[in-house]
Protein backbone atom coordinates (compact mmCIF):
# COMPACT_ATOMS: atom_id res chain seq x y z
CA GLU A 1 -7.36 29.98 25.46
CA GLU A 2 -4.65 27.38 24.97
CA PHE A 3 -7.22 24.67 24.56
CA GLU A 4 -9.05 26.85 21.86
CA ARG A 5 -5.73 27.38 20.15
CA LEU A 6 -5.00 23.68 20.05
CA GLN A 7 -8.49 23.01 18.73
CA SER A 8 -7.83 25.32 15.68
CA ALA A 9 -4.61 23.44 15.00
CA ASP A 10 -4.59 21.25 11.98
CA ASN A 11 -2.37 18.53 13.52
CA TYR A 12 -4.74 17.50 16.41
CA SER A 13 -7.61 15.11 15.70
CA GLU A 14 -11.18 15.15 17.24
CA ALA A 15 -10.20 11.78 18.90
CA TYR A 16 -7.23 13.50 20.46
CA PHE A 17 -9.37 16.18 22.13
CA TRP A 18 -11.97 13.55 23.10
CA LEU A 19 -9.18 11.71 25.09
CA ALA A 20 -7.60 14.91 26.35
CA THR A 21 -10.86 16.01 27.98
CA GLY A 22 -11.44 12.68 29.71
CA GLY A 23 -13.42 10.77 27.10
CA SER A 24 -13.28 6.97 27.16
CA LEU A 25 -10.99 5.38 24.67
CA ARG A 26 -13.61 2.66 24.03
CA LYS A 27 -16.36 5.22 23.24
CA ILE A 28 -14.66 7.73 20.83
CA PRO A 29 -17.32 9.14 18.58
CA ASP A 30 -17.23 7.98 14.95
CA HIS A 31 -14.39 5.74 15.63
CA PRO A 32 -14.16 1.97 15.52
CA PRO A 33 -14.43 0.65 19.10
CA TYR A 34 -11.32 -0.51 21.03
CA SER A 35 -11.62 -3.90 22.86
CA ARG A 36 -10.42 -4.11 26.44
CA ARG A 37 -7.25 -5.72 25.23
CA MET A 38 -6.67 -3.09 22.57
CA ALA A 39 -7.28 -0.38 25.21
CA LYS A 40 -4.50 -2.01 27.34
CA GLU A 41 -2.22 -1.89 24.39
CA PHE A 42 -2.97 1.69 23.73
CA LEU A 43 -1.95 2.60 27.19
CA ALA A 44 1.43 0.90 26.56
CA LEU A 45 2.19 2.38 23.10
CA PRO A 46 5.90 2.92 22.50
CA ALA A 47 7.01 6.48 22.66
CA ASP A 48 8.79 6.31 19.37
CA LEU A 49 5.79 4.89 17.41
CA THR A 50 4.67 7.52 14.86
CA THR A 51 1.55 7.60 12.65
CA GLY A 52 3.95 7.40 9.72
CA ASP A 53 4.99 3.94 10.93
CA ALA A 54 1.60 2.58 11.91
CA ASP A 55 -2.21 3.06 12.27
CA VAL A 56 -2.53 3.10 16.12
CA TYR A 57 -5.81 1.38 16.04
CA VAL A 58 -4.59 -1.39 13.88
CA TYR A 59 -1.27 -1.55 15.89
CA CYS A 60 -3.31 -2.05 19.01
CA PHE A 61 -5.39 -4.69 17.33
CA LEU A 62 -2.33 -6.66 16.28
CA ARG A 63 -0.72 -6.38 19.54
CA SER A 64 -3.88 -7.60 21.20
CA LEU A 65 -3.44 -10.82 19.13
CA GLU A 66 -0.01 -11.12 20.68
CA ALA A 67 1.88 -10.03 17.51
CA SER A 68 5.30 -8.70 18.34
CA HIS A 69 6.02 -4.95 17.95
CA ASP A 70 8.00 -5.57 14.77
CA LEU A 71 5.45 -7.71 13.18
CA ALA A 72 2.65 -5.27 14.07
CA VAL A 73 4.57 -2.58 12.15
CA ALA A 74 5.58 -4.76 9.29
CA LEU A 75 2.14 -6.11 8.66
CA GLN A 76 0.83 -2.58 8.05
CA ARG A 77 3.04 -2.07 5.15
CA PHE A 78 0.74 -4.58 3.26
CA PHE A 79 -2.59 -4.84 5.18
CA ARG A 80 -4.66 -1.51 5.39
CA ARG A 81 -7.55 -0.81 7.44
CA PRO A 82 -10.80 -0.49 5.52
CA GLU A 83 -13.14 2.47 6.17
CA GLY A 84 -16.45 0.80 6.59
CA VAL A 85 -17.57 -0.87 9.86
CA ARG A 86 -18.72 -4.06 8.23
CA GLU A 87 -15.63 -4.31 6.14
CA LEU A 88 -13.45 -3.62 9.20
CA ALA A 89 -15.04 -6.48 11.09
CA GLU A 90 -14.54 -8.96 8.22
CA TRP A 91 -10.94 -7.69 7.76
CA LYS A 92 -10.04 -8.22 11.40
CA LYS A 93 -11.63 -11.68 11.34
CA ARG A 94 -9.48 -12.57 8.18
CA LEU A 95 -6.32 -11.05 9.60
CA ASP A 96 -6.50 -12.91 12.91
CA PRO A 97 -5.27 -16.32 11.50
CA VAL A 98 -2.60 -14.49 9.50
CA VAL A 99 -1.09 -13.04 12.74
CA GLN A 100 -1.33 -16.41 14.57
CA LYS A 101 0.44 -18.13 11.64
CA LEU A 102 3.27 -15.56 11.32
CA GLY A 103 3.87 -15.87 15.10
CA GLU A 104 5.45 -19.29 14.20
CA VAL A 105 8.21 -17.80 12.10
CA ASN A 106 11.37 -16.15 13.28
CA TYR A 107 12.04 -13.44 10.81
CA TYR A 108 13.77 -10.18 11.59
CA TRP A 109 10.81 -8.03 10.43
CA PRO A 110 12.52 -4.58 10.53
CA SER A 111 15.09 -5.60 7.92
CA GLY A 112 12.22 -6.70 5.43
CA GLN A 113 13.25 -10.25 5.79
CA GLY A 114 9.68 -11.61 5.73
CA ASP A 115 8.30 -9.09 3.09
CA HIS A 116 8.07 -11.82 0.45
CA LEU A 117 5.71 -13.84 2.59
CA LEU A 118 3.70 -10.67 3.69
CA GLY A 119 3.34 -9.73 0.13
CA TYR A 120 2.12 -13.07 -0.96
CA LEU A 121 -0.35 -13.31 2.00
CA HIS A 122 -1.69 -9.80 1.26
CA HIS A 123 -2.48 -10.99 -2.35
CA ALA A 124 -3.89 -14.37 -1.25
CA VAL A 125 -6.11 -13.05 1.55
CA ARG A 126 -7.45 -10.23 -0.63
CA ASP A 127 -7.76 -12.00 -3.94
CA GLN A 128 -8.46 -15.76 -3.27
CA PHE A 129 -11.79 -16.35 -1.99
CA GLY A 130 -11.85 -18.78 0.98
CA PHE A 131 -7.98 -18.79 1.34
CA ALA A 132 -7.33 -20.58 4.59
CA VAL A 133 -4.01 -19.51 6.33
CA ASN A 134 -4.51 -21.65 9.36
CA ILE A 135 -4.57 -25.03 7.70
CA ARG A 136 -1.41 -24.38 5.69
CA PRO A 137 1.92 -25.08 7.33
CA ILE A 138 4.52 -22.38 7.06
CA GLU A 139 6.58 -24.49 4.75
CA GLN A 140 3.64 -24.63 2.24
CA LEU A 141 3.08 -20.89 2.46
CA GLU A 142 6.74 -20.32 1.61
CA GLN A 143 6.48 -22.64 -1.28
CA GLU A 144 3.32 -20.97 -2.54
CA ALA A 145 5.01 -17.47 -2.10
CA ALA A 146 8.00 -18.75 -4.06
CA ALA A 147 5.76 -20.00 -6.88
CA TYR A 148 3.92 -16.64 -6.89
CA TYR A 149 7.06 -14.68 -7.31
CA GLU A 150 8.43 -17.14 -9.82
CA ARG A 151 5.30 -16.47 -12.06
CA ILE A 152 5.84 -12.76 -11.71
CA ALA A 153 9.50 -13.25 -12.65
CA ALA A 154 8.55 -15.41 -15.66
CA ARG A 155 6.28 -12.63 -16.80
CA ARG A 156 9.20 -10.12 -16.31
CA ALA A 157 11.46 -12.28 -18.45
CA GLU A 158 8.72 -12.47 -21.14
CA ALA A 159 8.28 -8.78 -21.01
CA GLU A 160 12.02 -8.18 -21.38
CA ARG A 161 12.00 -10.58 -24.34
CA ARG A 162 9.28 -8.74 -26.09
CA ASN A 163 10.83 -5.40 -25.31
CA ALA A 164 14.00 -6.64 -27.13
CA VAL A 165 12.20 -7.82 -30.31
CA ARG A 166 9.38 -5.20 -30.61
CA ASN A 167 9.74 -2.60 -33.28
CA ALA A 168 6.73 -0.37 -32.89
CA ALA A 169 3.69 -0.60 -30.76
CA THR A 170 0.40 -1.36 -32.63
CA ALA A 171 -2.85 0.52 -32.05
CA GLU A 172 -4.02 -2.34 -30.02
CA ASP A 173 -0.96 -2.13 -27.72
CA CYS A 174 -1.46 1.59 -26.83
CA TRP A 175 -4.44 3.79 -25.53
CA LYS A 176 -5.17 7.45 -25.14
CA PRO A 177 -3.78 9.20 -21.92
CA LEU A 178 -6.38 10.08 -19.26
CA ALA A 179 -7.97 13.50 -20.22
CA GLY A 180 -7.57 16.22 -17.82
CA VAL A 181 -4.81 14.80 -15.67
CA SER A 182 -1.30 16.02 -16.04
CA PRO A 183 1.96 14.31 -15.00
CA TRP A 184 3.83 15.50 -11.89
CA GLN A 185 7.55 16.17 -11.48
CA GLU A 186 9.72 17.31 -8.55
CA GLU A 187 13.44 18.00 -8.56
CA GLY A 188 15.80 16.75 -5.85
CA ASP A 189 18.29 19.05 -4.25
CA ARG A 190 22.01 18.77 -5.11
CA PHE A 191 22.67 16.77 -1.93
CA SER A 192 19.94 14.23 -2.53
CA PRO A 193 20.71 10.79 -4.05
CA VAL A 194 17.54 11.40 -6.12
CA ARG A 195 17.80 13.76 -9.05
CA ARG A 196 14.04 13.93 -9.87
CA TRP A 197 10.69 12.28 -9.02
CA THR A 198 7.83 11.88 -11.48
CA ILE A 199 4.41 10.49 -11.67
CA THR A 200 3.63 9.35 -15.17
CA GLU A 201 0.87 7.51 -16.90
CA LEU A 202 1.40 4.13 -18.53
CA THR A 203 -0.25 4.01 -21.83
CA GLY A 204 1.00 0.86 -23.49
CA ARG A 205 1.09 -2.90 -22.91
CA TYR A 206 4.88 -3.12 -22.64
CA GLN A 207 4.88 -0.26 -20.03
CA LEU A 208 2.43 -2.31 -17.83
CA GLU A 209 4.54 -5.40 -18.29
CA ALA A 210 7.64 -3.63 -17.37
CA GLU A 211 6.03 -1.99 -14.39
CA SER A 212 4.71 -5.36 -13.19
CA ALA A 213 8.09 -7.00 -13.63
CA GLN A 214 10.01 -4.33 -11.74
CA MET A 215 7.41 -3.89 -8.86
CA ARG A 216 6.72 -7.71 -8.60
CA HIS A 217 2.85 -7.31 -8.63
CA CYS A 218 0.06 -8.08 -11.03
CA VAL A 219 -0.57 -4.68 -12.78
CA SER A 220 0.21 -6.23 -16.17
CA THR A 221 -3.20 -8.02 -15.93
CA TYR A 222 -4.92 -4.55 -16.10
CA LEU A 223 -4.23 -4.47 -19.85
CA ASP A 224 -7.96 -4.88 -21.05
CA LYS A 225 -9.21 -2.44 -18.35
CA CYS A 226 -6.86 0.20 -19.60
CA ARG A 227 -7.74 -0.57 -23.26
CA HIS A 228 -11.42 0.01 -22.54
CA GLY A 229 -10.96 3.10 -20.38
CA GLN A 230 -12.10 1.45 -17.14
CA ALA A 231 -8.69 2.05 -15.51
CA SER A 232 -5.77 4.43 -15.85
CA ILE A 233 -2.39 3.21 -14.43
CA TRP A 234 0.31 5.65 -13.24
CA SER A 235 3.84 5.13 -12.05
CA MET A 236 5.68 7.11 -9.38
CA ARG A 237 9.47 6.93 -10.25
CA GLU A 238 12.71 8.38 -9.18
CA LEU A 239 15.87 9.30 -11.25
CA ARG A 240 18.87 8.49 -9.21
CA GLN A 241 22.34 9.99 -9.54
CA ASN A 242 23.47 6.86 -11.55
CA GLY A 243 21.21 7.95 -14.31
CA ASN A 244 18.66 5.09 -13.93
CA TRP A 245 14.90 5.35 -13.27
CA TYR A 246 13.29 3.17 -10.63
CA SER A 247 9.54 2.67 -9.97
CA LEU A 248 8.52 3.28 -6.44
CA VAL A 249 4.65 3.26 -6.47
CA THR A 250 1.95 2.06 -9.00
CA ILE A 251 -1.33 3.97 -8.93
CA GLU A 252 -4.69 3.06 -10.24
CA ILE A 253 -7.25 5.71 -11.18
CA ILE A 254 -10.95 5.04 -12.13
CA PRO A 255 -11.34 7.55 -15.03
CA ARG A 256 -15.13 8.28 -14.73
CA GLN A 257 -14.89 8.86 -11.10
CA ARG A 258 -11.51 10.65 -11.20
CA CYS A 259 -10.73 8.46 -8.12
CA ILE A 260 -7.41 6.88 -6.99
CA VAL A 261 -8.42 3.51 -5.72
CA GLN A 262 -5.09 1.68 -5.34
CA VAL A 263 -1.44 2.59 -4.55
CA SER A 264 0.94 -0.18 -4.26
CA ALA A 265 4.71 -0.19 -3.68
CA ARG A 266 6.99 -3.12 -4.53
CA LEU A 267 5.39 -6.54 -3.62
CA ASN A 268 2.07 -4.76 -3.08
CA ALA A 269 3.34 -3.01 0.15
CA ARG A 270 1.94 0.24 1.29
CA PRO A 271 4.03 3.28 0.24
CA ASN A 272 5.75 5.20 3.08
CA SER A 273 4.33 8.50 4.39
CA GLU A 274 6.83 10.58 2.25
CA LEU A 275 5.75 9.08 -1.00
CA MET A 276 2.03 9.13 0.11
CA GLU A 277 2.45 12.92 0.79
CA ARG A 278 3.64 13.38 -2.78
CA ILE A 279 0.78 11.48 -4.22
CA GLU A 280 -1.76 13.38 -2.14
CA LYS A 281 -0.23 16.76 -3.40
CA TRP A 282 -0.47 15.58 -6.90
CA ALA A 283 -4.04 14.33 -6.49
CA GLU A 284 -5.14 17.64 -4.84
CA ARG A 285 -3.60 19.55 -7.82
CA GLU A 286 -5.37 17.49 -10.35
CA LYS A 287 -8.59 17.29 -8.42
CA LEU A 288 -8.51 13.51 -7.90
CA HIS A 289 -10.37 11.90 -5.13
CA ILE A 290 -8.49 9.30 -3.08
CA ASP A 291 -10.44 6.28 -1.94
CA ILE A 292 -7.89 3.57 -1.22
CA TRP A 293 -9.31 0.28 0.07
């Protein structure tokens, strides 16, 4: 009876019951296989590791490559496991040299000290075909990362300059809001440092440029896609007690499919579980499919 009660609970996965009933970790149905080294890391999982901090499968994979606990957690704020089997195999192959290279640095990962490098590597490995981490010294990667963020800072400065001199947006600078999707808003309680959270669509060139500058990623390059209705960009923001708004997450929707395909925090990091929960509730309310790669 207790087992049947647990099976009906929403917070236990099929993989949990497979293991609880004596199933092999390396043969979980409909689940990527664990290698022997990954299985060994699974048996030594830290008691305080939560699914909000890390994907257990990816954590075991990174640890099997001799990544430290802190690095294995930090990497997952940027590198997300793909769904498909073929994509996963290629993803693991490309991530391996990244882990080996980052093992050469002595950052204090929990403080976010190495996030600038992780953000750049996420961009380079994902968007630059044939990008080779292993042949680049750490010093070169640091220089490339600095140049990458300098370009973003330059775009931010240019955006601020344009904001200062613009009078009114022209028709070319704006586009129609996405039909059938409403903004979202949630009020903070009186003890919270945040007065309000919102998810709002960006419908102008200057809005995209300002979002890109504040979040330090490349959403400003989506201008033509937004103009032609191929993408709809939304921003999750919070209003703090000081009266200022701060962007937290940038969201991309493919209008025809009504599908959320990207959610990126600052420096292209993965949003934390609390922010993702708000996005998921909004998506459910607006009948949006989530397919984050």
